[in-house]
């Protein structure tokens, strides 16, 4: 386990400086930071691993910055995630609120049956527009 380490966000569009670094304190070695890509006129945030309270604390500054940024379309790609709890839902809702507050929208890429069920049971299907593939989200 890492103790007190910091790890930079990975980005291809300069988002790595939103609030500096991701706090990796107590995280497993296999934890991967979010990746931001900007194909065309949208921003894609790829999340990996378990999206729980610890991940929320690490990822919220980046996701918040991207969702409040200049891209009208924000795609949150959960393809690489293995678990999503209420903290993960909160992260998605925060992104949705920030994007819609400036006239944009969020689409979530997810094909994991249980994660889709959690989104559905939470009443967030309409807000998060889940789709199965990144290609669908970018159409």
C-alpha atoms as a PDB file:
ATOM      1  CA  UNK A   1       0.000   0.000   0.000  1.00  0.00           C
ATOM      2  CA  UNK A   2       1.098   3.539  -0.641  1.00  0.00           C
ATOM      3  CA  UNK A   3       1.415   5.715   2.396  1.00  0.00           C
ATOM      4  CA  UNK A   4       1.000   9.429   1.865  1.00  0.00           C
ATOM      5  CA  UNK A   5       1.925   9.335  -1.817  1.00  0.00           C
ATOM      6  CA  UNK A   6       0.577  11.763  -4.371  1.00  0.00           C
ATOM      7  CA  UNK A   7       0.002  10.855  -7.996  1.00  0.00           C
ATOM      8  CA  UNK A   8      -0.680  13.305 -10.818  1.00  0.00           C
ATOM      9  CA  UNK A   9      -3.855  13.046 -12.844  1.00  0.00           C
ATOM     10  CA  UNK A  10      -3.384  11.819 -16.386  1.00  0.00           C
ATOM     11  CA  UNK A  11      -4.717  14.093 -19.088  1.00  0.00           C
ATOM     12  CA  UNK A  12      -4.199  14.973 -22.702  1.00  0.00           C
ATOM     13  CA  UNK A  13      -5.654  18.486 -22.407  1.00  0.00           C
ATOM     14  CA  UNK A  14      -4.072  20.189 -19.408  1.00  0.00           C
ATOM     15  CA  UNK A  15      -6.627  19.105 -16.798  1.00  0.00           C
ATOM     16  CA  UNK A  16      -3.877  17.601 -14.655  1.00  0.00           C
ATOM     17  CA  UNK A  17      -3.492  20.845 -12.750  1.00  0.00           C
ATOM     18  CA  UNK A  18      -7.003  21.023 -11.294  1.00  0.00           C
ATOM     19  CA  UNK A  19      -6.271  21.164  -7.604  1.00  0.00           C
ATOM     20  CA  UNK A  20      -2.834  19.716  -8.203  1.00  0.00           C
ATOM     21  CA  UNK A  21      -2.680  16.051  -7.484  1.00  0.00           C
ATOM     22  CA  UNK A  22      -4.747  13.041  -6.534  1.00  0.00           C
ATOM     23  CA  UNK A  23      -4.331  11.932  -2.937  1.00  0.00           C
ATOM     24  CA  UNK A  24      -3.366   8.270  -3.047  1.00  0.00           C
ATOM     25  CA  UNK A  25      -3.001   7.834   0.720  1.00  0.00           C
ATOM     26  CA  UNK A  26      -3.891   4.287   1.684  1.00  0.00           C
ATOM     27  CA  UNK A  27      -4.713   3.309  -1.893  1.00  0.00           C
ATOM     28  CA  UNK A  28      -3.762  -0.031  -3.396  1.00  0.00           C
ATOM     29  CA  UNK A  29      -0.900  -0.129  -5.882  1.00  0.00           C
ATOM     30  CA  UNK A  30      -3.363  -1.121  -8.646  1.00  0.00           C
ATOM     31  CA  UNK A  31      -5.321   2.158  -8.416  1.00  0.00           C
ATOM     32  CA  UNK A  32      -5.264   4.094 -11.667  1.00  0.00           C
ATOM     33  CA  UNK A  33      -5.921   7.838 -11.902  1.00  0.00           C
ATOM     34  CA  UNK A  34      -8.699   9.126 -14.139  1.00  0.00           C
ATOM     35  CA  UNK A  35      -7.800   9.912 -17.734  1.00  0.00           C
ATOM     36  CA  UNK A  36      -9.216  12.909 -19.598  1.00  0.00           C
ATOM     37  CA  UNK A  37      -9.413  12.926 -23.382  1.00  0.00           C
ATOM     38  CA  UNK A  38     -10.870  15.628 -25.584  1.00  0.00           C
ATOM     39  CA  UNK A  39     -11.971  14.165 -28.916  1.00  0.00           C
ATOM     40  CA  UNK A  40     -13.588  16.940 -30.907  1.00  0.00           C
ATOM     41  CA  UNK A  41     -15.961  19.155 -28.955  1.00  0.00           C
ATOM     42  CA  UNK A  42     -16.384  16.947 -25.906  1.00  0.00           C
ATOM     43  CA  UNK A  43     -14.410  15.818 -22.860  1.00  0.00           C
ATOM     44  CA  UNK A  44     -14.208  12.143 -21.930  1.00  0.00           C
ATOM     45  CA  UNK A  45     -13.275  11.241 -18.359  1.00  0.00           C
ATOM     46  CA  UNK A  46     -12.290   7.589 -18.004  1.00  0.00           C
ATOM     47  CA  UNK A  47     -12.598   6.210 -14.462  1.00  0.00           C
ATOM     48  CA  UNK A  48     -11.016   2.977 -13.300  1.00  0.00           C
ATOM     49  CA  UNK A  49     -11.375   0.534 -10.421  1.00  0.00           C
ATOM     50  CA  UNK A  50     -13.730   0.940  -7.495  1.00  0.00           C
ATOM     51  CA  UNK A  51     -15.623   4.219  -7.300  1.00  0.00           C
ATOM     52  CA  UNK A  52     -16.196   4.489  -3.568  1.00  0.00           C
ATOM     53  CA  UNK A  53     -15.617   7.232  -0.984  1.00  0.00           C
ATOM     54  CA  UNK A  54     -11.830   7.109  -1.310  1.00  0.00           C
ATOM     55  CA  UNK A  55     -12.038   7.288  -5.100  1.00  0.00           C
ATOM     56  CA  UNK A  56     -14.587  10.094  -4.836  1.00  0.00           C
ATOM     57  CA  UNK A  57     -12.169  12.153  -2.764  1.00  0.00           C
ATOM     58  CA  UNK A  58      -9.390  11.595  -5.298  1.00  0.00           C
ATOM     59  CA  UNK A  59     -11.450  12.110  -8.436  1.00  0.00           C
ATOM     60  CA  UNK A  60     -13.923  14.874  -7.533  1.00  0.00           C
ATOM     61  CA  UNK A  61     -11.579  17.837  -8.190  1.00  0.00           C
ATOM     62  CA  UNK A  62     -10.790  16.622 -11.704  1.00  0.00           C
ATOM     63  CA  UNK A  63     -14.356  15.600 -12.593  1.00  0.00           C
ATOM     64  CA  UNK A  64     -15.694  18.902 -11.212  1.00  0.00           C
ATOM     65  CA  UNK A  65     -13.214  20.914 -13.275  1.00  0.00           C
ATOM     66  CA  UNK A  66     -13.943  19.019 -16.480  1.00  0.00           C
ATOM     67  CA  UNK A  67     -17.728  19.240 -15.995  1.00  0.00           C
ATOM     68  CA  UNK A  68     -17.493  23.004 -15.368  1.00  0.00           C
ATOM     69  CA  UNK A  69     -15.109  23.495 -18.282  1.00  0.00           C
ATOM     70  CA  UNK A  70     -15.563  24.617 -21.850  1.00  0.00           C
ATOM     71  CA  UNK A  71     -16.841  21.349 -23.331  1.00  0.00           C
ATOM     72  CA  UNK A  72     -20.597  21.189 -23.888  1.00  0.00           C
ATOM     73  CA  UNK A  73     -20.600  17.386 -23.844  1.00  0.00           C
ATOM     74  CA  UNK A  74     -18.973  15.563 -20.931  1.00  0.00           C
ATOM     75  CA  UNK A  75     -18.710  11.783 -21.129  1.00  0.00           C
ATOM     76  CA  UNK A  76     -17.940   9.807 -17.962  1.00  0.00           C
ATOM     77  CA  UNK A  77     -16.630   6.408 -19.075  1.00  0.00           C
ATOM     78  CA  UNK A  78     -17.201   3.735 -16.420  1.00  0.00           C
ATOM     79  CA  UNK A  79     -16.057   0.871 -18.670  1.00  0.00           C
ATOM     80  CA  UNK A  80     -12.928   0.388 -16.550  1.00  0.00           C
ATOM     81  CA  UNK A  81     -14.736   0.439 -13.207  1.00  0.00           C
ATOM     82  CA  UNK A  82     -15.471  -2.614 -11.088  1.00  0.00           C
ATOM     83  CA  UNK A  83     -17.675  -1.108  -8.371  1.00  0.00           C
ATOM     84  CA  UNK A  84     -19.844   1.968  -7.867  1.00  0.00           C
ATOM     85  CA  UNK A  85     -21.446   2.983  -4.568  1.00  0.00           C
ATOM     86  CA  UNK A  86     -23.407   6.066  -3.478  1.00  0.00           C
ATOM     87  CA  UNK A  87     -20.187   8.109  -3.512  1.00  0.00           C
ATOM     88  CA  UNK A  88     -19.761   7.205  -7.167  1.00  0.00           C
ATOM     89  CA  UNK A  89     -23.344   8.215  -7.863  1.00  0.00           C
ATOM     90  CA  UNK A  90     -22.666  11.505  -6.105  1.00  0.00           C
ATOM     91  CA  UNK A  91     -19.656  12.079  -8.356  1.00  0.00           C
ATOM     92  CA  UNK A  92     -21.837  11.530 -11.433  1.00  0.00           C
ATOM     93  CA  UNK A  93     -24.606  13.801 -10.124  1.00  0.00           C
ATOM     94  CA  UNK A  94     -22.082  16.577  -9.351  1.00  0.00           C
ATOM     95  CA  UNK A  95     -20.771  16.350 -12.912  1.00  0.00           C
ATOM     96  CA  UNK A  96     -24.321  16.447 -14.276  1.00  0.00           C
ATOM     97  CA  UNK A  97     -25.208  19.541 -12.219  1.00  0.00           C
ATOM     98  CA  UNK A  98     -22.067  21.410 -13.213  1.00  0.00           C
ATOM     99  CA  UNK A  99     -22.448  20.603 -16.898  1.00  0.00           C
ATOM    100  CA  UNK A 100     -26.171  21.404 -17.102  1.00  0.00           C
ATOM    101  CA  UNK A 101     -25.629  24.567 -15.089  1.00  0.00           C
ATOM    102  CA  UNK A 102     -23.628  25.967 -17.994  1.00  0.00           C
ATOM    103  CA  UNK A 103     -25.794  24.524 -20.797  1.00  0.00           C
ATOM    104  CA  UNK A 104     -23.929  21.247 -21.296  1.00  0.00           C
ATOM    105  CA  UNK A 105     -24.819  17.666 -20.554  1.00  0.00           C
ATOM    106  CA  UNK A 106     -23.293  14.461 -19.211  1.00  0.00           C
ATOM    107  CA  UNK A 107     -23.469  11.006 -20.718  1.00  0.00           C
ATOM    108  CA  UNK A 108     -22.287   7.937 -18.817  1.00  0.00           C
ATOM    109  CA  UNK A 109     -20.729   4.978 -20.634  1.00  0.00           C
ATOM    110  CA  UNK A 110     -21.527   1.781 -18.789  1.00  0.00           C
ATOM    111  CA  UNK A 111     -22.532  -1.736 -19.688  1.00  0.00           C
ATOM    112  CA  UNK A 112     -22.105  -3.299 -16.248  1.00  0.00           C
ATOM    113  CA  UNK A 113     -25.487  -4.714 -15.272  1.00  0.00           C
ATOM    114  CA  UNK A 114     -25.302  -3.873 -11.563  1.00  0.00           C
ATOM    115  CA  UNK A 115     -24.048  -0.337 -12.104  1.00  0.00           C
ATOM    116  CA  UNK A 116     -26.846   0.302 -14.597  1.00  0.00           C
ATOM    117  CA  UNK A 117     -29.332  -1.054 -12.065  1.00  0.00           C
ATOM    118  CA  UNK A 118     -28.005   1.314  -9.379  1.00  0.00           C
ATOM    119  CA  UNK A 119     -28.377   4.255 -11.777  1.00  0.00           C
ATOM    120  CA  UNK A 120     -31.908   3.135 -12.616  1.00  0.00           C
ATOM    121  CA  UNK A 121     -32.984   2.585  -8.997  1.00  0.00           C
ATOM    122  CA  UNK A 122     -31.609   6.013  -8.098  1.00  0.00           C
ATOM    123  CA  UNK A 123     -33.820   7.622 -10.730  1.00  0.00           C
ATOM    124  CA  UNK A 124     -30.807   8.984 -12.608  1.00  0.00           C
ATOM    125  CA  UNK A 125     -31.265   7.283 -15.979  1.00  0.00           C
ATOM    126  CA  UNK A 126     -32.738  10.364 -17.653  1.00  0.00           C
ATOM    127  CA  UNK A 127     -30.142  12.716 -16.183  1.00  0.00           C
ATOM    128  CA  UNK A 128     -27.078  10.559 -16.916  1.00  0.00           C
ATOM    129  CA  UNK A 129     -28.133   9.135 -20.312  1.00  0.00           C
ATOM    130  CA  UNK A 130     -26.250   5.830 -19.879  1.00  0.00           C
ATOM    131  CA  UNK A 131     -25.041   4.176 -23.079  1.00  0.00           C
ATOM    132  CA  UNK A 132     -23.150   0.924 -23.598  1.00  0.00           C
ATOM    133  CA  UNK A 133     -20.173   2.180 -25.627  1.00  0.00           C
ATOM    134  CA  UNK A 134     -17.995   5.241 -26.009  1.00  0.00           C
ATOM    135  CA  UNK A 135     -18.887   5.314 -29.704  1.00  0.00           C
ATOM    136  CA  UNK A 136     -22.579   5.741 -28.787  1.00  0.00           C
ATOM    137  CA  UNK A 137     -21.740   8.568 -26.392  1.00  0.00           C
ATOM    138  CA  UNK A 138     -19.719  10.412 -29.029  1.00  0.00           C
ATOM    139  CA  UNK A 139     -22.462  10.330 -31.684  1.00  0.00           C
END
